[in-house]
Structure formats: structure tokens, C-alpha cells
């Protein structure tokens, strides 16, 4: 069976207060993410438990899949947000996709 080609991308994940969602959407659009997924999340850690009972303590997971090139600029922008005191957690994972054009990578060559 022939191997199906996949193309490298980055999944940029941001955990933030739900009040930051609009700013994250603007950032995603500015740096070329073709889309995003947002989920309400709960958890605990060094800052205590985030139960999501009130809007002010509701956290979201904001996920974007972007080309490796776009990830660099997007991450630089998120790093600046952290430097300005925004309490966000950013983590990045490598991913392989079947349709690179959907994620702003154009046609990739292997």
C-alpha cells in the first residue's frame, strides 16, 4: 500500500482566561492562521484551581494549526504578550497534515 504524503505544521496551543479570546482571535488573524478552535477548560496548578464558575475565572484552550514559517511570527507575538504581563501559557507541538494549503502553507514539497 502506498504511503500517504503528509506535510509538517505546528499546533500552537494557548491556555488563557476567556476574556483574552478576542485578542487571541485578532492575533491569529494578523499572523495568518486560517482558523482556530476554542474550548473551555478547567484545571489546577501553581496559580490554583481554575473551576470556571465565573466568567472571570473561566479558562480556554485556543488552538491553531499553522505552517512552520507562520508559527515563528505567531510565537513572537505571543511572547510579547507574555512580556506585557498577559497570563497565558503557550505550548507548541509538531503535527503532520494531509492538506497543507488549508493551514497557510501553500503547496509543500518533500
PDB file of N, CA and C in Angstrom:
ATOM      1  N   UNK A   1       0.847  -1.178   0.000  1.00  0.00           N
ATOM      2  CA  UNK A   1       0.000   0.000   0.000  1.00  0.00           C
ATOM      3  C   UNK A   1       0.893   1.243   0.000  1.00  0.00           C
ATOM      4  N   UNK A   2       0.646   2.198  -0.908  1.00  0.00           N
ATOM      5  CA  UNK A   2       1.490   3.402  -0.950  1.00  0.00           C
ATOM      6  C   UNK A   2       1.295   4.262   0.293  1.00  0.00           C
ATOM      7  N   UNK A   3       2.384   4.900   0.697  1.00  0.00           N
ATOM      8  CA  UNK A   3       2.303   5.784   1.850  1.00  0.00           C
ATOM      9  C   UNK A   3       1.640   7.092   1.448  1.00  0.00           C
ATOM     10  N   UNK A   4       0.718   7.549   2.262  1.00  0.00           N
ATOM     11  CA  UNK A   4       0.024   8.811   2.014  1.00  0.00           C
ATOM     12  C   UNK A   4       0.934   9.943   2.464  1.00  0.00           C
ATOM     13  N   UNK A   5       1.179  10.929   1.592  1.00  0.00           N
ATOM     14  CA  UNK A   5       2.082  12.019   1.980  1.00  0.00           C
ATOM     15  C   UNK A   5       1.448  12.931   3.031  1.00  0.00           C
ATOM     16  N   UNK A   6       2.264  13.314   3.991  1.00  0.00           N
ATOM     17  CA  UNK A   6       1.847  14.297   4.988  1.00  0.00           C
ATOM     18  C   UNK A   6       2.849  15.440   4.978  1.00  0.00           C
ATOM     19  N   UNK A   7       2.448  16.562   5.556  1.00  0.00           N
ATOM     20  CA  UNK A   7       3.242  17.783   5.490  1.00  0.00           C
ATOM     21  C   UNK A   7       3.383  18.370   6.888  1.00  0.00           C
ATOM     22  N   UNK A   8       4.590  18.824   7.247  1.00  0.00           N
ATOM     23  CA  UNK A   8       4.837  19.309   8.610  1.00  0.00           C
ATOM     24  C   UNK A   8       4.167  20.657   8.878  1.00  0.00           C
ATOM     25  N   UNK A   9       3.575  20.763  10.052  1.00  0.00           N
ATOM     26  CA  UNK A   9       2.982  22.011  10.533  1.00  0.00           C
ATOM     27  C   UNK A   9       3.266  22.110  12.028  1.00  0.00           C
ATOM     28  N   UNK A  10       2.793  23.180  12.620  1.00  0.00           N
ATOM     29  CA  UNK A  10       2.891  23.370  14.066  1.00  0.00           C
ATOM     30  C   UNK A  10       1.485  23.575  14.624  1.00  0.00           C
ATOM     31  N   UNK A  11       1.217  22.972  15.771  1.00  0.00           N
ATOM     32  CA  UNK A  11      -0.008  23.253  16.511  1.00  0.00           C
ATOM     33  C   UNK A  11       0.396  24.189  17.643  1.00  0.00           C
ATOM     34  N   UNK A  12      -0.131  25.400  17.602  1.00  0.00           N
ATOM     35  CA  UNK A  12       0.149  26.395  18.640  1.00  0.00           C
ATOM     36  C   UNK A  12      -1.055  26.408  19.574  1.00  0.00           C
ATOM     37  N   UNK A  13      -0.824  26.072  20.825  1.00  0.00           N
ATOM     38  CA  UNK A  13      -1.871  25.997  21.839  1.00  0.00           C
ATOM     39  C   UNK A  13      -1.657  27.103  22.860  1.00  0.00           C
ATOM     40  N   UNK A  14      -2.737  27.771  23.220  1.00  0.00           N
ATOM     41  CA  UNK A  14      -2.661  28.832  24.224  1.00  0.00           C
ATOM     42  C   UNK A  14      -3.744  28.574  25.264  1.00  0.00           C
ATOM     43  N   UNK A  15      -3.355  28.491  26.519  1.00  0.00           N
ATOM     44  CA  UNK A  15      -4.324  28.446  27.607  1.00  0.00           C
ATOM     45  C   UNK A  15      -4.353  29.839  28.209  1.00  0.00           C
ATOM     46  N   UNK A  16      -5.559  30.402  28.272  1.00  0.00           N
ATOM     47  CA  UNK A  16      -5.702  31.788  28.729  1.00  0.00           C
ATOM     48  C   UNK A  16      -7.062  31.976  29.381  1.00  0.00           C
ATOM     49  N   UNK A  17      -7.209  33.092  30.065  1.00  0.00           N
ATOM     50  CA  UNK A  17      -8.507  33.488  30.578  1.00  0.00           C
ATOM     51  C   UNK A  17      -9.437  33.732  29.397  1.00  0.00           C
ATOM     52  N   UNK A  18     -10.695  33.358  29.525  1.00  0.00           N
ATOM     53  CA  UNK A  18     -11.662  33.513  28.435  1.00  0.00           C
ATOM     54  C   UNK A  18     -11.776  34.960  27.963  1.00  0.00           C
ATOM     55  N   UNK A  19     -11.467  35.905  28.845  1.00  0.00           N
ATOM     56  CA  UNK A  19     -11.526  37.314  28.455  1.00  0.00           C
ATOM     57  C   UNK A  19     -10.481  37.663  27.398  1.00  0.00           C
ATOM     58  N   UNK A  20      -9.489  36.824  27.193  1.00  0.00           N
ATOM     59  CA  UNK A  20      -8.436  37.058  26.190  1.00  0.00           C
ATOM     60  C   UNK A  20      -8.805  36.515  24.807  1.00  0.00           C
ATOM     61  N   UNK A  21      -9.950  35.854  24.694  1.00  0.00           N
ATOM     62  CA  UNK A  21     -10.299  35.205  23.428  1.00  0.00           C
ATOM     63  C   UNK A  21     -10.292  36.170  22.250  1.00  0.00           C
ATOM     64  N   UNK A  22     -10.906  37.325  22.381  1.00  0.00           N
ATOM     65  CA  UNK A  22     -10.956  38.289  21.270  1.00  0.00           C
ATOM     66  C   UNK A  22      -9.544  38.679  20.842  1.00  0.00           C
ATOM     67  N   UNK A  23      -8.667  38.937  21.789  1.00  0.00           N
ATOM     68  CA  UNK A  23      -7.277  39.312  21.472  1.00  0.00           C
ATOM     69  C   UNK A  23      -6.551  38.170  20.769  1.00  0.00           C
ATOM     70  N   UNK A  24      -6.804  36.946  21.194  1.00  0.00           N
ATOM     71  CA  UNK A  24      -6.172  35.796  20.549  1.00  0.00           C
ATOM     72  C   UNK A  24      -6.683  35.615  19.121  1.00  0.00           C
ATOM     73  N   UNK A  25      -7.958  35.860  18.896  1.00  0.00           N
ATOM     74  CA  UNK A  25      -8.508  35.788  17.537  1.00  0.00           C
ATOM     75  C   UNK A  25      -7.827  36.825  16.654  1.00  0.00           C
ATOM     76  N   UNK A  26      -7.704  38.047  17.155  1.00  0.00           N
ATOM     77  CA  UNK A  26      -7.039  39.106  16.386  1.00  0.00           C
ATOM     78  C   UNK A  26      -5.594  38.728  16.069  1.00  0.00           C
ATOM     79  N   UNK A  27      -4.904  38.147  17.028  1.00  0.00           N
ATOM     80  CA  UNK A  27      -3.518  37.731  16.815  1.00  0.00           C
ATOM     81  C   UNK A  27      -3.444  36.619  15.777  1.00  0.00           C
ATOM     82  N   UNK A  28      -4.326  35.642  15.878  1.00  0.00           N
ATOM     83  CA  UNK A  28      -4.349  34.537  14.908  1.00  0.00           C
ATOM     84  C   UNK A  28      -4.566  35.064  13.497  1.00  0.00           C
ATOM     85  N   UNK A  29      -5.521  35.970  13.351  1.00  0.00           N
ATOM     86  CA  UNK A  29      -5.811  36.532  12.026  1.00  0.00           C
ATOM     87  C   UNK A  29      -4.640  37.362  11.516  1.00  0.00           C
ATOM     88  N   UNK A  30      -4.047  38.159  12.384  1.00  0.00           N
ATOM     89  CA  UNK A  30      -2.939  39.025  11.979  1.00  0.00           C
ATOM     90  C   UNK A  30      -1.747  38.222  11.473  1.00  0.00           C
ATOM     91  N   UNK A  31      -1.487  37.082  12.084  1.00  0.00           N
ATOM     92  CA  UNK A  31      -0.308  36.300  11.724  1.00  0.00           C
ATOM     93  C   UNK A  31      -0.618  35.114  10.815  1.00  0.00           C
ATOM     94  N   UNK A  32      -1.795  35.135  10.191  1.00  0.00           N
ATOM     95  CA  UNK A  32      -2.066  34.224   9.093  1.00  0.00           C
ATOM     96  C   UNK A  32      -2.629  32.858   9.418  1.00  0.00           C
ATOM     97  N   UNK A  33      -3.108  32.644  10.630  1.00  0.00           N
ATOM     98  CA  UNK A  33      -3.768  31.365  10.906  1.00  0.00           C
ATOM     99  C   UNK A  33      -5.077  31.340  10.129  1.00  0.00           C
ATOM    100  N   UNK A  34      -5.330  30.261   9.420  1.00  0.00           N
ATOM    101  CA  UNK A  34      -6.544  30.190   8.608  1.00  0.00           C
ATOM    102  C   UNK A  34      -7.766  29.820   9.437  1.00  0.00           C
ATOM    103  N   UNK A  35      -7.558  29.445  10.681  1.00  0.00           N
ATOM    104  CA  UNK A  35      -8.670  29.097  11.559  1.00  0.00           C
ATOM    105  C   UNK A  35      -8.150  28.790  12.948  1.00  0.00           C
ATOM    106  N   UNK A  36      -9.071  28.482  13.836  1.00  0.00           N
ATOM    107  CA  UNK A  36      -8.705  28.184  15.215  1.00  0.00           C
ATOM    108  C   UNK A  36      -9.826  27.380  15.846  1.00  0.00           C
ATOM    109  N   UNK A  37      -9.525  26.747  16.956  1.00  0.00           N
ATOM    110  CA  UNK A  37     -10.510  26.020  17.749  1.00  0.00           C
ATOM    111  C   UNK A  37     -10.386  26.517  19.178  1.00  0.00           C
ATOM    112  N   UNK A  38     -11.528  26.756  19.821  1.00  0.00           N
ATOM    113  CA  UNK A  38     -11.536  27.233  21.203  1.00  0.00           C
ATOM    114  C   UNK A  38     -12.386  26.279  22.041  1.00  0.00           C
ATOM    115  N   UNK A  39     -11.851  25.880  23.189  1.00  0.00           N
ATOM    116  CA  UNK A  39     -12.584  25.035  24.127  1.00  0.00           C
ATOM    117  C   UNK A  39     -12.450  25.605  25.529  1.00  0.00           C
ATOM    118  N   UNK A  40     -13.527  25.550  26.300  1.00  0.00           N
ATOM    119  CA  UNK A  40     -13.424  25.899  27.712  1.00  0.00           C
ATOM    120  C   UNK A  40     -12.736  24.743  28.419  1.00  0.00           C
ATOM    121  N   UNK A  41     -11.817  25.083  29.324  1.00  0.00           N
ATOM    122  CA  UNK A  41     -11.062  24.060  30.046  1.00  0.00           C
ATOM    123  C   UNK A  41     -11.032  24.374  31.537  1.00  0.00           C
ATOM    124  N   UNK A  42     -10.764  23.356  32.332  1.00  0.00           N
ATOM    125  CA  UNK A  42     -10.595  23.507  33.779  1.00  0.00           C
ATOM    126  C   UNK A  42      -9.299  22.834  34.161  1.00  0.00           C
ATOM    127  N   UNK A  43      -8.740  23.255  35.262  1.00  0.00           N
ATOM    128  CA  UNK A  43      -7.523  22.604  35.733  1.00  0.00           C
ATOM    129  C   UNK A  43      -6.977  23.288  36.963  1.00  0.00           C
ATOM    130  N   UNK A  44      -5.823  22.835  37.378  1.00  0.00           N
ATOM    131  CA  UNK A  44      -5.174  23.414  38.538  1.00  0.00           C
ATOM    132  C   UNK A  44      -3.678  23.383  38.355  1.00  0.00           C
ATOM    133  N   UNK A  45      -3.006  24.189  39.124  1.00  0.00           N
ATOM    134  CA  UNK A  45      -1.550  24.249  39.033  1.00  0.00           C
ATOM    135  C   UNK A  45      -1.012  25.257  40.015  1.00  0.00           C
ATOM    136  N   UNK A  46       0.085  25.891  39.639  1.00  0.00           N
ATOM    137  CA  UNK A  46       0.768  26.813  40.543  1.00  0.00           C
ATOM    138  C   UNK A  46      -0.068  28.038  40.897  1.00  0.00           C
ATOM    139  N   UNK A  47      -1.046  28.384  40.054  1.00  0.00           N
ATOM    140  CA  UNK A  47      -1.894  29.546  40.349  1.00  0.00           C
ATOM    141  C   UNK A  47      -3.216  29.139  40.985  1.00  0.00           C
ATOM    142  N   UNK A  48      -3.349  27.877  41.365  1.00  0.00           N
ATOM    143  CA  UNK A  48      -4.576  27.404  41.988  1.00  0.00           C
ATOM    144  C   UNK A  48      -5.485  26.730  40.977  1.00  0.00           C
ATOM    145  N   UNK A  49      -6.693  26.453  41.425  1.00  0.00           N
ATOM    146  CA  UNK A  49      -7.668  25.777  40.578  1.00  0.00           C
ATOM    147  C   UNK A  49      -8.451  26.790  39.758  1.00  0.00           C
ATOM    148  N   UNK A  50      -8.641  26.475  38.494  1.00  0.00           N
ATOM    149  CA  UNK A  50      -9.470  27.288  37.609  1.00  0.00           C
ATOM    150  C   UNK A  50     -10.746  26.495  37.362  1.00  0.00           C
ATOM    151  N   UNK A  51     -11.784  26.803  38.127  1.00  0.00           N
ATOM    152  CA  UNK A  51     -13.002  26.000  38.102  1.00  0.00           C
ATOM    153  C   UNK A  51     -13.983  26.430  37.029  1.00  0.00           C
ATOM    154  N   UNK A  52     -13.887  27.665  36.548  1.00  0.00           N
ATOM    155  CA  UNK A  52     -14.789  28.126  35.508  1.00  0.00           C
ATOM    156  C   UNK A  52     -16.184  28.460  35.998  1.00  0.00           C
ATOM    157  N   UNK A  53     -16.336  28.719  37.300  1.00  0.00           N
ATOM    158  CA  UNK A  53     -17.643  29.051  37.848  1.00  0.00           C
ATOM    159  C   UNK A  53     -18.080  30.439  37.404  1.00  0.00           C
ATOM    160  N   UNK A  54     -17.156  31.378  37.396  1.00  0.00           N
ATOM    161  CA  UNK A  54     -17.432  32.746  36.964  1.00  0.00           C
ATOM    162  C   UNK A  54     -16.733  33.004  35.643  1.00  0.00           C
ATOM    163  N   UNK A  55     -17.256  33.948  34.849  1.00  0.00           N
ATOM    164  CA  UNK A  55     -16.591  34.294  33.596  1.00  0.00           C
ATOM    165  C   UNK A  55     -15.146  34.712  33.831  1.00  0.00           C
ATOM    166  N   UNK A  56     -14.905  35.388  34.948  1.00  0.00           N
ATOM    167  CA  UNK A  56     -13.556  35.899  35.209  1.00  0.00           C
ATOM    168  C   UNK A  56     -12.553  34.798  35.538  1.00  0.00           C
ATOM    169  N   UNK A  57     -13.033  33.591  35.893  1.00  0.00           N
ATOM    170  CA  UNK A  57     -12.073  32.511  36.147  1.00  0.00           C
ATOM    171  C   UNK A  57     -12.247  31.342  35.179  1.00  0.00           C
ATOM    172  N   UNK A  58     -12.888  31.595  34.045  1.00  0.00           N
ATOM    173  CA  UNK A  58     -13.022  30.576  33.008  1.00  0.00           C
ATOM    174  C   UNK A  58     -11.791  30.615  32.112  1.00  0.00           C
ATOM    175  N   UNK A  59     -11.207  29.458  31.894  1.00  0.00           N
ATOM    176  CA  UNK A  59     -10.042  29.363  31.016  1.00  0.00           C
ATOM    177  C   UNK A  59     -10.440  28.723  29.699  1.00  0.00           C
ATOM    178  N   UNK A  60      -9.688  29.067  28.654  1.00  0.00           N
ATOM    179  CA  UNK A  60      -9.907  28.479  27.341  1.00  0.00           C
ATOM    180  C   UNK A  60      -8.604  27.870  26.832  1.00  0.00           C
ATOM    181  N   UNK A  61      -8.760  26.899  25.959  1.00  0.00           N
ATOM    182  CA  UNK A  61      -7.652  26.377  25.176  1.00  0.00           C
ATOM    183  C   UNK A  61      -7.901  26.857  23.756  1.00  0.00           C
ATOM    184  N   UNK A  62      -6.994  27.664  23.244  1.00  0.00           N
ATOM    185  CA  UNK A  62      -7.099  28.275  21.920  1.00  0.00           C
ATOM    186  C   UNK A  62      -6.057  27.583  21.049  1.00  0.00           C
ATOM    187  N   UNK A  63      -6.506  26.837  20.034  1.00  0.00           N
ATOM    188  CA  UNK A  63      -5.602  26.021  19.218  1.00  0.00           C
ATOM    189  C   UNK A  63      -5.573  26.517  17.780  1.00  0.00           C
ATOM    190  N   UNK A  64      -4.368  26.578  17.207  1.00  0.00           N
ATOM    191  CA  UNK A  64      -4.193  26.960  15.805  1.00  0.00           C
ATOM    192  C   UNK A  64      -3.200  26.007  15.162  1.00  0.00           C
ATOM    193  N   UNK A  65      -3.469  25.607  13.929  1.00  0.00           N
ATOM    194  CA  UNK A  65      -2.503  24.837  13.148  1.00  0.00           C
ATOM    195  C   UNK A  65      -1.992  25.770  12.063  1.00  0.00           C
ATOM    196  N   UNK A  66      -0.685  25.954  12.024  1.00  0.00           N
ATOM    197  CA  UNK A  66      -0.083  26.881  11.060  1.00  0.00           C
ATOM    198  C   UNK A  66       1.164  26.256  10.452  1.00  0.00           C
ATOM    199  N   UNK A  67       1.580  26.828   9.329  1.00  0.00           N
ATOM    200  CA  UNK A  67       2.836  26.392   8.723  1.00  0.00           C
ATOM    201  C   UNK A  67       3.981  26.722   9.676  1.00  0.00           C
ATOM    202  N   UNK A  68       5.087  26.052   9.486  1.00  0.00           N
ATOM    203  CA  UNK A  68       6.243  26.302  10.345  1.00  0.00           C
ATOM    204  C   UNK A  68       6.702  27.751  10.243  1.00  0.00           C
ATOM    205  N   UNK A  69       6.623  28.320   9.048  1.00  0.00           N
ATOM    206  CA  UNK A  69       7.046  29.713   8.855  1.00  0.00           C
ATOM    207  C   UNK A  69       6.145  30.675   9.622  1.00  0.00           C
ATOM    208  N   UNK A  70       4.831  30.465   9.553  1.00  0.00           N
ATOM    209  CA  UNK A  70       3.902  31.357  10.255  1.00  0.00           C
ATOM    210  C   UNK A  70       4.005  31.191  11.765  1.00  0.00           C
ATOM    211  N   UNK A  71       4.368  30.008  12.211  1.00  0.00           N
ATOM    212  CA  UNK A  71       4.484  29.759  13.652  1.00  0.00           C
ATOM    213  C   UNK A  71       5.515  30.677  14.290  1.00  0.00           C
ATOM    214  N   UNK A  72       6.602  30.950  13.600  1.00  0.00           N
ATOM    215  CA  UNK A  72       7.657  31.796  14.172  1.00  0.00           C
ATOM    216  C   UNK A  72       7.136  33.184  14.523  1.00  0.00           C
ATOM    217  N   UNK A  73       6.434  33.824  13.591  1.00  0.00           N
ATOM    218  CA  UNK A  73       5.898  35.166  13.851  1.00  0.00           C
ATOM    219  C   UNK A  73       4.791  35.133  14.897  1.00  0.00           C
ATOM    220  N   UNK A  74       3.957  34.116  14.839  1.00  0.00           N
ATOM    221  CA  UNK A  74       2.876  33.974  15.805  1.00  0.00           C
ATOM    222  C   UNK A  74       3.441  33.805  17.213  1.00  0.00           C
ATOM    223  N   UNK A  75       4.444  32.963  17.353  1.00  0.00           N
ATOM    224  CA  UNK A  75       5.058  32.754  18.665  1.00  0.00           C
ATOM    225  C   UNK A  75       5.758  34.010  19.173  1.00  0.00           C
ATOM    226  N   UNK A  76       6.364  34.760  18.288  1.00  0.00           N
ATOM    227  CA  UNK A  76       6.999  36.021  18.702  1.00  0.00           C
ATOM    228  C   UNK A  76       5.952  36.979  19.260  1.00  0.00           C
ATOM    229  N   UNK A  77       4.790  37.040  18.623  1.00  0.00           N
ATOM    230  CA  UNK A  77       3.717  37.908  19.103  1.00  0.00           C
ATOM    231  C   UNK A  77       3.205  37.443  20.467  1.00  0.00           C
ATOM    232  N   UNK A  78       3.014  36.145  20.630  1.00  0.00           N
ATOM    233  CA  UNK A  78       2.556  35.617  21.917  1.00  0.00           C
ATOM    234  C   UNK A  78       3.603  35.858  23.002  1.00  0.00           C
ATOM    235  N   UNK A  79       4.865  35.766  22.649  1.00  0.00           N
ATOM    236  CA  UNK A  79       5.947  36.044  23.605  1.00  0.00           C
ATOM    237  C   UNK A  79       5.889  37.502  24.062  1.00  0.00           C
ATOM    238  N   UNK A  80       5.601  38.407  23.131  1.00  0.00           N
ATOM    239  CA  UNK A  80       5.467  39.827  23.506  1.00  0.00           C
ATOM    240  C   UNK A  80       4.282  40.024  24.450  1.00  0.00           C
ATOM    241  N   UNK A  81       3.175  39.292  24.219  1.00  0.00           N
ATOM    242  CA  UNK A  81       2.017  39.390  25.115  1.00  0.00           C
ATOM    243  C   UNK A  81       2.409  38.982  26.533  1.00  0.00           C
ATOM    244  N   UNK A  82       3.167  37.903  26.647  1.00  0.00           N
ATOM    245  CA  UNK A  82       3.623  37.446  27.963  1.00  0.00           C
ATOM    246  C   UNK A  82       4.503  38.520  28.600  1.00  0.00           C
ATOM    247  N   UNK A  83       5.374  39.123  27.809  1.00  0.00           N
ATOM    248  CA  UNK A  83       6.254  40.180  28.303  1.00  0.00           C
ATOM    249  C   UNK A  83       5.504  41.403  28.799  1.00  0.00           C
ATOM    250  N   UNK A  84       4.299  41.626  28.256  1.00  0.00           N
ATOM    251  CA  UNK A  84       3.467  42.756  28.695  1.00  0.00           C
ATOM    252  C   UNK A  84       2.583  42.384  29.881  1.00  0.00           C
ATOM    253  N   UNK A  85       2.785  41.191  30.432  1.00  0.00           N
ATOM    254  CA  UNK A  85       2.061  40.810  31.637  1.00  0.00           C
ATOM    255  C   UNK A  85       0.808  39.982  31.419  1.00  0.00           C
ATOM    256  N   UNK A  86       0.501  39.595  30.187  1.00  0.00           N
ATOM    257  CA  UNK A  86      -0.659  38.736  29.954  1.00  0.00           C
ATOM    258  C   UNK A  86      -0.354  37.350  30.499  1.00  0.00           C
ATOM    259  N   UNK A  87      -1.267  36.823  31.297  1.00  0.00           N
ATOM    260  CA  UNK A  87      -1.068  35.496  31.881  1.00  0.00           C
ATOM    261  C   UNK A  87      -1.610  34.453  30.917  1.00  0.00           C
ATOM    262  N   UNK A  88      -0.753  33.995  30.040  1.00  0.00           N
ATOM    263  CA  UNK A  88      -1.108  32.947  29.096  1.00  0.00           C
ATOM    264  C   UNK A  88      -0.033  31.867  29.149  1.00  0.00           C
ATOM    265  N   UNK A  89      -0.430  30.655  28.840  1.00  0.00           N
ATOM    266  CA  UNK A  89       0.500  29.537  28.743  1.00  0.00           C
ATOM    267  C   UNK A  89       0.500  29.098  27.285  1.00  0.00           C
ATOM    268  N   UNK A  90       1.664  29.044  26.678  1.00  0.00           N
ATOM    269  CA  UNK A  90       1.785  28.690  25.266  1.00  0.00           C
ATOM    270  C   UNK A  90       2.611  27.415  25.150  1.00  0.00           C
ATOM    271  N   UNK A  91       2.099  26.462  24.380  1.00  0.00           N
ATOM    272  CA  UNK A  91       2.907  25.290  24.068  1.00  0.00           C
ATOM    273  C   UNK A  91       2.673  24.900  22.620  1.00  0.00           C
ATOM    274  N   UNK A  92       3.711  24.348  22.018  1.00  0.00           N
ATOM    275  CA  UNK A  92       3.718  24.071  20.581  1.00  0.00           C
ATOM    276  C   UNK A  92       4.041  22.601  20.369  1.00  0.00           C
ATOM    277  N   UNK A  93       3.337  21.990  19.432  1.00  0.00           N
ATOM    278  CA  UNK A  93       3.641  20.613  19.060  1.00  0.00           C
ATOM    279  C   UNK A  93       3.781  20.519  17.548  1.00  0.00           C
ATOM    280  N   UNK A  94       4.570  19.566  17.122  1.00  0.00           N
ATOM    281  CA  UNK A  94       4.689  19.285  15.699  1.00  0.00           C
ATOM    282  C   UNK A  94       3.493  18.442  15.276  1.00  0.00           C
ATOM    283  N   UNK A  95       3.030  18.670  14.058  1.00  0.00           N
ATOM    284  CA  UNK A  95       1.920  17.887  13.514  1.00  0.00           C
ATOM    285  C   UNK A  95       2.151  17.658  12.033  1.00  0.00           C
ATOM    286  N   UNK A  96       1.521  16.642  11.510  1.00  0.00           N
ATOM    287  CA  UNK A  96       1.545  16.347  10.082  1.00  0.00           C
ATOM    288  C   UNK A  96       0.111  16.457   9.583  1.00  0.00           C
ATOM    289  N   UNK A  97      -0.080  17.129   8.452  1.00  0.00           N
ATOM    290  CA  UNK A  97      -1.420  17.283   7.881  1.00  0.00           C
ATOM    291  C   UNK A  97      -1.445  16.722   6.467  1.00  0.00           C
ATOM    292  N   UNK A  98      -2.651  16.426   6.002  1.00  0.00           N
ATOM    293  CA  UNK A  98      -2.831  15.928   4.643  1.00  0.00           C
ATOM    294  C   UNK A  98      -3.051  17.050   3.648  1.00  0.00           C
ATOM    295  N   UNK A  99      -3.581  18.175   4.101  1.00  0.00           N
ATOM    296  CA  UNK A  99      -3.914  19.295   3.217  1.00  0.00           C
ATOM    297  C   UNK A  99      -3.186  20.557   3.670  1.00  0.00           C
ATOM    298  N   UNK A 100      -1.944  20.754   3.271  1.00  0.00           N
ATOM    299  CA  UNK A 100      -1.170  21.898   3.765  1.00  0.00           C
ATOM    300  C   UNK A 100      -1.759  23.240   3.363  1.00  0.00           C
ATOM    301  N   UNK A 101      -2.429  23.312   2.231  1.00  0.00           N
ATOM    302  CA  UNK A 101      -2.993  24.589   1.781  1.00  0.00           C
ATOM    303  C   UNK A 101      -4.051  25.104   2.751  1.00  0.00           C
ATOM    304  N   UNK A 102      -4.696  24.232   3.503  1.00  0.00           N
ATOM    305  CA  UNK A 102      -5.710  24.649   4.473  1.00  0.00           C
ATOM    306  C   UNK A 102      -5.094  25.415   5.637  1.00  0.00           C
ATOM    307  N   UNK A 103      -3.823  25.192   5.902  1.00  0.00           N
ATOM    308  CA  UNK A 103      -3.176  25.795   7.065  1.00  0.00           C
ATOM    309  C   UNK A 103      -2.164  26.864   6.689  1.00  0.00           C
ATOM    310  N   UNK A 104      -2.321  27.425   5.520  1.00  0.00           N
ATOM    311  CA  UNK A 104      -1.497  28.556   5.119  1.00  0.00           C
ATOM    312  C   UNK A 104      -0.113  28.197   4.663  1.00  0.00           C
ATOM    313  N   UNK A 105       0.107  26.937   4.351  1.00  0.00           N
ATOM    314  CA  UNK A 105       1.432  26.534   3.935  1.00  0.00           C
ATOM    315  C   UNK A 105       1.605  26.435   2.439  1.00  0.00           C
ATOM    316  N   UNK A 106       0.545  26.689   1.691  1.00  0.00           N
ATOM    317  CA  UNK A 106       0.659  26.537   0.248  1.00  0.00           C
ATOM    318  C   UNK A 106       0.935  25.095  -0.105  1.00  0.00           C
ATOM    319  N   UNK A 107       1.522  24.878  -1.226  1.00  0.00           N
ATOM    320  CA  UNK A 107       1.864  23.524  -1.634  1.00  0.00           C
ATOM    321  C   UNK A 107       3.285  23.236  -1.170  1.00  0.00           C
ATOM    322  N   UNK A 108       3.429  22.271  -0.300  1.00  0.00           N
ATOM    323  CA  UNK A 108       4.734  21.906   0.244  1.00  0.00           C
ATOM    324  C   UNK A 108       5.400  20.924  -0.708  1.00  0.00           C
ATOM    325  N   UNK A 109       6.696  20.899  -0.702  1.00  0.00           N
ATOM    326  CA  UNK A 109       7.423  19.859  -1.422  1.00  0.00           C
ATOM    327  C   UNK A 109       8.181  19.022  -0.409  1.00  0.00           C
ATOM    328  N   UNK A 110       8.310  17.758  -0.712  1.00  0.00           N
ATOM    329  CA  UNK A 110       9.042  16.876   0.203  1.00  0.00           C
ATOM    330  C   UNK A 110      10.315  16.399  -0.439  1.00  0.00           C
TER     331      UNK A 110
END
